Structures are given as structure tokens and as C-alpha cells.
Amino acid sequence: MITVERRFDVGTPVRVVFAYLSDFTNTNSWDPGTVRTTRTDTGQLGVGSTFHNVSQFRGRQTELDYELTRLEPNRHLTFTGRNSTVTAVDDLSFAPSATDGTLVTYRSHFTFHGVYRLAEPFLRRGFEPIADDTVQQLAEVLRSLH
């Protein structure tokens, strides 16, 4: 399994950050690897809501079907995506910061399946710069939400 984690502080209130990130289609704005994310179910957003994500990784497009698997209002979100190659878990937690903003902890876990597990050591290094770029763009978007 490959895990990357970043923590950052934004001056935007927790309730605003949480509401924005609860809708996984917003990855269209903050995840530089996302080509598009669409919601694939209807109704109120909550645990069990589903999304289809198309991302660019190492020059190739990959598609994952995500589900919102954990939702603790203003505290925690987990989205779990799957395809035949990988299970990706985006885990976000939120806490009020000393500046009346939000301290965001963003963890991504990638578990490769089958023969793709053999490539994990070679892929691991590539995820660190992706995480840096993602958090930089995410922080900019969240700061603009005041």
C-alpha cells in the first residue's frame, strides 16, 4: 500500500471547507489529476453517495468508481474508489485552527491489486509530488471560499 499525507491550515471556517469537500465532484476544481468527476446517484449527499472519476496519471487516463464511505459533519470524510487495478481511499479530517480557520489533514491510500502490486515500489516516489501539487491547489481553492 502507498500512503501519502499532508496537513495544512486555511483561513476558511470548518463548516465551509467541509461542505465544499463533501461533494466529490469538486475534485474537478482542486485535484490537478482529475479530468472529470460526476455524481452517479441521486438524492441527498451522504454515506453511500457515488461518483465516477476520470484521472490522468503518468500520461494515461484511469477511471475509478468512488463511494462516500464516512461522513462525520464538520469532522471527517472518506471517499473510497475502486477499479480492477487499485483501491484508492481519500481520507480528510478537519479541525478548527488557531486562526479561526481549518486545519485539514488529507491522506490518500492506494492498494494495488494482482500483478500491479509488484509495481508499487516503482510507483511510490511518483505519488509524493502529486500529493504536493494536489494540496497546493486544494489550499488555494479553499482559501477562496470565504
N, C-alpha and C. Protein backbone atom coordinates (compact mmCIF):
# COMPACT_ATOMS: atom_id res chain seq x y z
N MET A 1 0.85 -1.18 0.00
CA MET A 1 0.00 0.00 0.00
C MET A 1 0.89 1.24 0.00
N ILE A 2 0.46 2.22 -0.74
CA ILE A 2 1.13 3.52 -0.77
C ILE A 2 0.25 4.51 -0.02
N THR A 3 0.84 5.24 0.91
CA THR A 3 0.10 6.25 1.66
C THR A 3 0.85 7.57 1.59
N VAL A 4 0.12 8.63 1.30
CA VAL A 4 0.67 9.98 1.38
C VAL A 4 -0.24 10.78 2.29
N GLU A 5 0.37 11.68 3.05
CA GLU A 5 -0.40 12.50 3.99
C GLU A 5 0.15 13.92 4.00
N ARG A 6 -0.77 14.87 4.05
CA ARG A 6 -0.40 16.27 4.14
C ARG A 6 -1.34 16.95 5.13
N ARG A 7 -0.80 17.92 5.86
CA ARG A 7 -1.60 18.76 6.76
C ARG A 7 -1.37 20.21 6.38
N PHE A 8 -2.47 20.97 6.37
CA PHE A 8 -2.33 22.38 6.05
C PHE A 8 -3.47 23.15 6.69
N ASP A 9 -3.24 24.43 6.85
CA ASP A 9 -4.18 25.33 7.52
C ASP A 9 -4.69 26.33 6.49
N VAL A 10 -5.99 26.53 6.48
CA VAL A 10 -6.59 27.56 5.63
C VAL A 10 -7.44 28.45 6.52
N GLY A 11 -7.59 29.70 6.14
CA GLY A 11 -8.35 30.66 6.94
C GLY A 11 -9.85 30.59 6.71
N THR A 12 -10.33 29.52 6.13
CA THR A 12 -11.74 29.34 5.84
C THR A 12 -12.38 28.51 6.96
N PRO A 13 -13.57 28.87 7.42
CA PRO A 13 -14.21 28.13 8.52
C PRO A 13 -14.46 26.65 8.18
N VAL A 14 -14.41 25.82 9.20
CA VAL A 14 -14.58 24.38 9.05
C VAL A 14 -15.87 24.04 8.31
N ARG A 15 -16.98 24.66 8.67
CA ARG A 15 -18.27 24.31 8.05
C ARG A 15 -18.25 24.56 6.54
N VAL A 16 -17.54 25.60 6.10
CA VAL A 16 -17.45 25.92 4.66
C VAL A 16 -16.56 24.90 3.96
N VAL A 17 -15.42 24.59 4.57
CA VAL A 17 -14.48 23.62 3.99
C VAL A 17 -15.15 22.25 3.89
N PHE A 18 -15.82 21.84 4.97
CA PHE A 18 -16.47 20.54 4.99
C PHE A 18 -17.57 20.45 3.93
N ALA A 19 -18.40 21.47 3.84
CA ALA A 19 -19.49 21.45 2.86
C ALA A 19 -18.93 21.34 1.44
N TYR A 20 -17.88 22.06 1.15
CA TYR A 20 -17.29 22.03 -0.18
C TYR A 20 -16.70 20.66 -0.50
N LEU A 21 -15.93 20.11 0.43
CA LEU A 21 -15.25 18.85 0.16
C LEU A 21 -16.17 17.63 0.25
N SER A 22 -17.34 17.79 0.84
CA SER A 22 -18.31 16.69 0.90
C SER A 22 -18.78 16.29 -0.49
N ASP A 23 -18.78 17.23 -1.41
CA ASP A 23 -19.20 16.96 -2.78
C ASP A 23 -17.96 16.61 -3.61
N PHE A 24 -17.78 15.32 -3.87
CA PHE A 24 -16.57 14.85 -4.55
C PHE A 24 -16.46 15.37 -5.98
N THR A 25 -17.55 15.87 -6.56
CA THR A 25 -17.44 16.45 -7.90
C THR A 25 -16.58 17.70 -7.89
N ASN A 26 -16.36 18.28 -6.72
CA ASN A 26 -15.49 19.45 -6.63
C ASN A 26 -14.02 19.11 -6.88
N THR A 27 -13.68 17.82 -6.98
CA THR A 27 -12.31 17.47 -7.38
C THR A 27 -11.99 18.05 -8.74
N ASN A 28 -13.04 18.33 -9.52
CA ASN A 28 -12.84 18.97 -10.82
C ASN A 28 -12.08 20.29 -10.68
N SER A 29 -12.22 20.94 -9.53
CA SER A 29 -11.58 22.24 -9.30
C SER A 29 -10.27 22.15 -8.53
N TRP A 30 -10.14 21.17 -7.65
CA TRP A 30 -8.97 21.18 -6.77
C TRP A 30 -7.97 20.05 -6.99
N ASP A 31 -8.30 19.02 -7.72
CA ASP A 31 -7.37 17.92 -7.93
C ASP A 31 -6.76 18.04 -9.33
N PRO A 32 -5.49 18.41 -9.44
CA PRO A 32 -4.90 18.62 -10.75
C PRO A 32 -4.89 17.37 -11.63
N GLY A 33 -4.99 16.19 -11.05
CA GLY A 33 -5.01 14.96 -11.84
C GLY A 33 -6.38 14.60 -12.37
N THR A 34 -7.42 15.24 -11.84
CA THR A 34 -8.78 14.90 -12.25
C THR A 34 -9.10 15.50 -13.61
N VAL A 35 -9.58 14.65 -14.50
CA VAL A 35 -10.09 15.09 -15.79
C VAL A 35 -11.56 15.49 -15.59
N ARG A 36 -12.31 14.61 -14.90
CA ARG A 36 -13.70 14.95 -14.55
C ARG A 36 -14.20 13.96 -13.50
N THR A 37 -15.07 14.46 -12.65
CA THR A 37 -15.78 13.64 -11.68
C THR A 37 -17.26 13.97 -11.80
N THR A 38 -18.07 12.94 -11.87
CA THR A 38 -19.52 13.13 -11.95
C THR A 38 -20.19 12.30 -10.86
N ARG A 39 -21.30 12.80 -10.38
CA ARG A 39 -22.09 12.04 -9.41
C ARG A 39 -22.92 11.03 -10.17
N THR A 40 -22.99 9.80 -9.65
CA THR A 40 -23.67 8.73 -10.37
C THR A 40 -24.94 8.26 -9.68
N ASP A 41 -25.32 8.90 -8.59
CA ASP A 41 -26.59 8.58 -7.94
C ASP A 41 -27.37 9.88 -7.76
N THR A 42 -28.54 9.78 -7.18
CA THR A 42 -29.36 10.96 -6.94
C THR A 42 -29.72 11.02 -5.46
N GLY A 43 -30.36 12.10 -5.09
CA GLY A 43 -30.78 12.24 -3.70
C GLY A 43 -29.82 13.06 -2.89
N GLN A 44 -30.07 13.06 -1.60
CA GLN A 44 -29.25 13.84 -0.68
C GLN A 44 -27.85 13.24 -0.59
N LEU A 45 -26.86 14.11 -0.56
CA LEU A 45 -25.48 13.69 -0.42
C LEU A 45 -25.28 13.08 0.96
N GLY A 46 -24.70 11.89 1.02
CA GLY A 46 -24.44 11.24 2.29
C GLY A 46 -23.68 9.95 2.08
N VAL A 47 -23.46 9.22 3.17
CA VAL A 47 -22.79 7.93 3.07
C VAL A 47 -23.54 7.09 2.04
N GLY A 48 -22.80 6.51 1.12
CA GLY A 48 -23.40 5.73 0.04
C GLY A 48 -23.50 6.49 -1.27
N SER A 49 -23.34 7.81 -1.24
CA SER A 49 -23.34 8.58 -2.49
C SER A 49 -22.18 8.10 -3.36
N THR A 50 -22.41 8.08 -4.68
CA THR A 50 -21.41 7.51 -5.59
C THR A 50 -21.00 8.51 -6.67
N PHE A 51 -19.76 8.33 -7.15
CA PHE A 51 -19.15 9.23 -8.10
C PHE A 51 -18.30 8.43 -9.08
N HIS A 52 -18.19 8.92 -10.30
CA HIS A 52 -17.28 8.33 -11.28
C HIS A 52 -16.19 9.35 -11.56
N ASN A 53 -14.95 8.93 -11.41
CA ASN A 53 -13.81 9.82 -11.58
C ASN A 53 -12.92 9.33 -12.71
N VAL A 54 -12.53 10.26 -13.56
CA VAL A 54 -11.54 10.01 -14.60
C VAL A 54 -10.34 10.89 -14.27
N SER A 55 -9.19 10.26 -14.12
CA SER A 55 -7.97 10.99 -13.77
C SER A 55 -6.86 10.68 -14.75
N GLN A 56 -5.91 11.59 -14.79
CA GLN A 56 -4.71 11.41 -15.60
C GLN A 56 -3.59 11.05 -14.65
N PHE A 57 -2.89 9.93 -14.91
CA PHE A 57 -1.77 9.50 -14.08
C PHE A 57 -0.69 8.94 -14.98
N ARG A 58 0.48 9.57 -14.93
CA ARG A 58 1.63 9.15 -15.72
C ARG A 58 1.30 9.04 -17.21
N GLY A 59 0.56 10.04 -17.68
CA GLY A 59 0.25 10.12 -19.09
C GLY A 59 -0.91 9.24 -19.56
N ARG A 60 -1.55 8.54 -18.64
CA ARG A 60 -2.66 7.66 -19.01
C ARG A 60 -3.90 8.02 -18.19
N GLN A 61 -5.05 7.83 -18.80
CA GLN A 61 -6.29 8.05 -18.07
C GLN A 61 -6.69 6.78 -17.33
N THR A 62 -7.20 6.96 -16.14
CA THR A 62 -7.71 5.85 -15.35
C THR A 62 -9.07 6.25 -14.80
N GLU A 63 -9.94 5.28 -14.64
CA GLU A 63 -11.29 5.54 -14.14
C GLU A 63 -11.53 4.75 -12.87
N LEU A 64 -12.11 5.42 -11.89
CA LEU A 64 -12.47 4.78 -10.63
C LEU A 64 -13.90 5.16 -10.26
N ASP A 65 -14.59 4.23 -9.65
CA ASP A 65 -15.91 4.49 -9.10
C ASP A 65 -15.75 4.67 -7.60
N TYR A 66 -16.14 5.85 -7.12
CA TYR A 66 -15.99 6.22 -5.71
C TYR A 66 -17.31 6.17 -4.98
N GLU A 67 -17.19 5.92 -3.68
CA GLU A 67 -18.35 5.96 -2.78
C GLU A 67 -17.95 6.77 -1.55
N LEU A 68 -18.87 7.60 -1.08
CA LEU A 68 -18.67 8.30 0.18
C LEU A 68 -18.92 7.28 1.29
N THR A 69 -17.85 6.89 1.99
CA THR A 69 -17.96 5.80 2.96
C THR A 69 -17.95 6.26 4.41
N ARG A 70 -17.60 7.50 4.64
CA ARG A 70 -17.62 8.03 6.00
C ARG A 70 -17.93 9.51 5.94
N LEU A 71 -18.88 9.94 6.75
CA LEU A 71 -19.27 11.35 6.81
C LEU A 71 -19.61 11.68 8.26
N GLU A 72 -18.73 12.42 8.90
CA GLU A 72 -18.97 12.95 10.24
C GLU A 72 -18.98 14.46 10.09
N PRO A 73 -20.15 15.08 10.14
CA PRO A 73 -20.26 16.51 9.83
C PRO A 73 -19.20 17.37 10.51
N ASN A 74 -18.53 18.15 9.66
CA ASN A 74 -17.51 19.11 10.07
C ASN A 74 -16.28 18.47 10.72
N ARG A 75 -16.15 17.13 10.61
CA ARG A 75 -15.01 16.46 11.23
C ARG A 75 -14.25 15.53 10.30
N HIS A 76 -15.00 14.74 9.48
CA HIS A 76 -14.32 13.68 8.76
C HIS A 76 -15.09 13.26 7.51
N LEU A 77 -14.35 13.01 6.43
CA LEU A 77 -14.90 12.48 5.18
C LEU A 77 -13.96 11.39 4.65
N THR A 78 -14.54 10.32 4.12
CA THR A 78 -13.75 9.30 3.45
C THR A 78 -14.46 8.90 2.16
N PHE A 79 -13.71 8.93 1.08
CA PHE A 79 -14.18 8.50 -0.23
C PHE A 79 -13.32 7.31 -0.65
N THR A 80 -13.97 6.22 -1.05
CA THR A 80 -13.26 5.02 -1.45
C THR A 80 -13.55 4.74 -2.92
N GLY A 81 -12.48 4.68 -3.72
CA GLY A 81 -12.60 4.44 -5.16
C GLY A 81 -11.99 3.11 -5.55
N ARG A 82 -12.61 2.47 -6.54
CA ARG A 82 -12.13 1.15 -6.95
C ARG A 82 -12.18 0.99 -8.47
N ASN A 83 -11.22 0.23 -8.95
CA ASN A 83 -11.27 -0.35 -10.29
C ASN A 83 -10.52 -1.67 -10.21
N SER A 84 -10.28 -2.33 -11.32
CA SER A 84 -9.64 -3.65 -11.28
C SER A 84 -8.17 -3.58 -10.88
N THR A 85 -7.56 -2.41 -10.95
CA THR A 85 -6.14 -2.24 -10.68
C THR A 85 -5.84 -1.78 -9.26
N VAL A 86 -6.70 -0.90 -8.71
CA VAL A 86 -6.37 -0.23 -7.46
C VAL A 86 -7.63 0.10 -6.65
N THR A 87 -7.43 0.15 -5.35
CA THR A 87 -8.42 0.75 -4.45
C THR A 87 -7.76 2.00 -3.88
N ALA A 88 -8.43 3.14 -4.06
CA ALA A 88 -7.91 4.43 -3.58
C ALA A 88 -8.84 4.95 -2.51
N VAL A 89 -8.26 5.37 -1.40
CA VAL A 89 -9.04 5.93 -0.30
C VAL A 89 -8.55 7.34 -0.03
N ASP A 90 -9.46 8.31 -0.18
CA ASP A 90 -9.16 9.70 0.17
C ASP A 90 -9.82 9.97 1.50
N ASP A 91 -9.01 10.25 2.49
CA ASP A 91 -9.48 10.41 3.86
C ASP A 91 -9.14 11.83 4.32
N LEU A 92 -10.16 12.61 4.64
CA LEU A 92 -9.97 14.01 5.02
C LEU A 92 -10.54 14.24 6.41
N SER A 93 -9.75 14.88 7.26
CA SER A 93 -10.26 15.26 8.58
C SER A 93 -10.05 16.75 8.77
N PHE A 94 -10.90 17.32 9.61
CA PHE A 94 -10.98 18.77 9.78
C PHE A 94 -11.01 19.12 11.26
N ALA A 95 -10.31 20.19 11.61
CA ALA A 95 -10.34 20.69 12.98
C ALA A 95 -10.21 22.21 12.92
N PRO A 96 -10.84 22.89 13.87
CA PRO A 96 -10.66 24.34 13.91
C PRO A 96 -9.19 24.67 14.17
N SER A 97 -8.69 25.68 13.48
CA SER A 97 -7.30 26.08 13.69
C SER A 97 -7.24 27.28 14.63
N ALA A 98 -6.05 27.60 15.04
CA ALA A 98 -5.84 28.72 15.96
C ALA A 98 -6.21 30.05 15.31
N THR A 99 -6.29 30.07 13.98
CA THR A 99 -6.60 31.31 13.26
C THR A 99 -8.07 31.41 12.87
N ASP A 100 -8.93 30.62 13.54
CA ASP A 100 -10.36 30.55 13.23
C ASP A 100 -10.63 30.00 11.84
N GLY A 101 -9.68 29.30 11.31
CA GLY A 101 -9.83 28.64 10.02
C GLY A 101 -9.96 27.15 10.23
N THR A 102 -9.38 26.40 9.31
CA THR A 102 -9.48 24.94 9.36
C THR A 102 -8.12 24.31 9.16
N LEU A 103 -7.81 23.37 10.03
CA LEU A 103 -6.65 22.52 9.87
C LEU A 103 -7.15 21.26 9.14
N VAL A 104 -6.65 21.04 7.94
CA VAL A 104 -7.07 19.91 7.11
C VAL A 104 -5.97 18.87 7.12
N THR A 105 -6.34 17.62 7.36
CA THR A 105 -5.42 16.51 7.20
C THR A 105 -5.96 15.68 6.04
N TYR A 106 -5.13 15.52 5.02
CA TYR A 106 -5.52 14.82 3.80
C TYR A 106 -4.62 13.61 3.62
N ARG A 107 -5.23 12.43 3.68
CA ARG A 107 -4.49 11.18 3.50
C ARG A 107 -5.04 10.45 2.27
N SER A 108 -4.15 9.93 1.47
CA SER A 108 -4.54 9.07 0.34
C SER A 108 -3.82 7.75 0.49
N HIS A 109 -4.60 6.68 0.37
CA HIS A 109 -4.07 5.32 0.43
C HIS A 109 -4.36 4.65 -0.91
N PHE A 110 -3.37 3.98 -1.45
CA PHE A 110 -3.53 3.28 -2.72
C PHE A 110 -3.10 1.83 -2.53
N THR A 111 -4.03 0.92 -2.74
CA THR A 111 -3.74 -0.51 -2.64
C THR A 111 -3.90 -1.11 -4.03
N PHE A 112 -2.81 -1.58 -4.58
CA PHE A 112 -2.84 -2.15 -5.92
C PHE A 112 -3.20 -3.62 -5.84
N HIS A 113 -3.87 -4.11 -6.90
CA HIS A 113 -4.37 -5.47 -6.95
C HIS A 113 -3.58 -6.31 -7.95
N GLY A 114 -3.51 -7.60 -7.67
CA GLY A 114 -2.91 -8.55 -8.61
C GLY A 114 -1.47 -8.21 -8.93
N VAL A 115 -1.12 -8.38 -10.19
CA VAL A 115 0.27 -8.16 -10.61
C VAL A 115 0.70 -6.70 -10.45
N TYR A 116 -0.26 -5.79 -10.37
CA TYR A 116 0.07 -4.37 -10.21
C TYR A 116 0.74 -4.09 -8.86
N ARG A 117 0.54 -5.00 -7.91
CA ARG A 117 1.20 -4.84 -6.61
C ARG A 117 2.72 -4.86 -6.77
N LEU A 118 3.20 -5.57 -7.76
CA LEU A 118 4.64 -5.66 -7.99
C LEU A 118 5.23 -4.31 -8.40
N ALA A 119 4.42 -3.45 -8.98
CA ALA A 119 4.90 -2.13 -9.43
C ALA A 119 4.90 -1.10 -8.30
N GLU A 120 4.32 -1.43 -7.17
CA GLU A 120 4.19 -0.46 -6.07
C GLU A 120 5.50 0.24 -5.70
N PRO A 121 6.60 -0.48 -5.52
CA PRO A 121 7.85 0.22 -5.16
C PRO A 121 8.28 1.26 -6.19
N PHE A 122 7.98 1.01 -7.45
CA PHE A 122 8.36 1.95 -8.52
C PHE A 122 7.41 3.14 -8.59
N LEU A 123 6.18 2.92 -8.19
CA LEU A 123 5.17 3.99 -8.24
C LEU A 123 5.23 4.91 -7.04
N ARG A 124 5.70 4.39 -5.92
CA ARG A 124 5.66 5.13 -4.64
C ARG A 124 6.23 6.54 -4.76
N ARG A 125 7.39 6.69 -5.37
CA ARG A 125 8.02 8.01 -5.49
C ARG A 125 7.18 9.00 -6.28
N GLY A 126 6.42 8.51 -7.24
CA GLY A 126 5.61 9.38 -8.08
C GLY A 126 4.43 10.00 -7.36
N PHE A 127 4.02 9.41 -6.24
CA PHE A 127 2.85 9.92 -5.53
C PHE A 127 3.17 11.15 -4.66
N GLU A 128 4.40 11.29 -4.22
CA GLU A 128 4.76 12.43 -3.36
C GLU A 128 4.58 13.77 -4.08
N PRO A 129 5.13 13.96 -5.29
CA PRO A 129 4.91 15.25 -5.97
C PRO A 129 3.44 15.47 -6.34
N ILE A 130 2.71 14.39 -6.64
CA ILE A 130 1.28 14.52 -6.92
C ILE A 130 0.56 15.04 -5.69
N ALA A 131 0.91 14.51 -4.52
CA ALA A 131 0.29 14.96 -3.27
C ALA A 131 0.61 16.43 -3.02
N ASP A 132 1.84 16.84 -3.26
CA ASP A 132 2.22 18.25 -3.08
C ASP A 132 1.41 19.17 -3.98
N ASP A 133 1.30 18.79 -5.26
CA ASP A 133 0.55 19.61 -6.22
C ASP A 133 -0.93 19.68 -5.84
N THR A 134 -1.48 18.55 -5.43
CA THR A 134 -2.90 18.49 -5.06
C THR A 134 -3.18 19.39 -3.87
N VAL A 135 -2.36 19.28 -2.84
CA VAL A 135 -2.59 20.08 -1.64
C VAL A 135 -2.40 21.56 -1.92
N GLN A 136 -1.45 21.91 -2.75
CA GLN A 136 -1.26 23.32 -3.09
C GLN A 136 -2.51 23.87 -3.77
N GLN A 137 -3.03 23.15 -4.75
CA GLN A 137 -4.22 23.62 -5.45
C GLN A 137 -5.45 23.59 -4.55
N LEU A 138 -5.58 22.54 -3.74
CA LEU A 138 -6.71 22.43 -2.81
C LEU A 138 -6.71 23.59 -1.82
N ALA A 139 -5.56 23.90 -1.25
CA ALA A 139 -5.47 25.00 -0.28
C ALA A 139 -5.86 26.33 -0.93
N GLU A 140 -5.41 26.56 -2.16
CA GLU A 140 -5.77 27.80 -2.86
C GLU A 140 -7.28 27.90 -3.05
N VAL A 141 -7.90 26.82 -3.47
CA VAL A 141 -9.35 26.83 -3.69
C VAL A 141 -10.08 27.05 -2.37
N LEU A 142 -9.67 26.36 -1.32
CA LEU A 142 -10.34 26.51 -0.03
C LEU A 142 -10.20 27.91 0.54
N ARG A 143 -9.05 28.53 0.34
CA ARG A 143 -8.86 29.90 0.82
C ARG A 143 -9.78 30.88 0.10
N SER A 144 -10.15 30.56 -1.11
CA SER A 144 -11.01 31.47 -1.88
C SER A 144 -12.48 31.36 -1.53
N LEU A 145 -12.84 30.41 -0.68
CA LEU A 145 -14.26 30.15 -0.38
C LEU A 145 -14.87 31.05 0.68
N HIS A 146 -14.09 31.83 1.36
CA HIS A 146 -14.63 32.65 2.47
C HIS A 146 -16.05 32.98 2.17
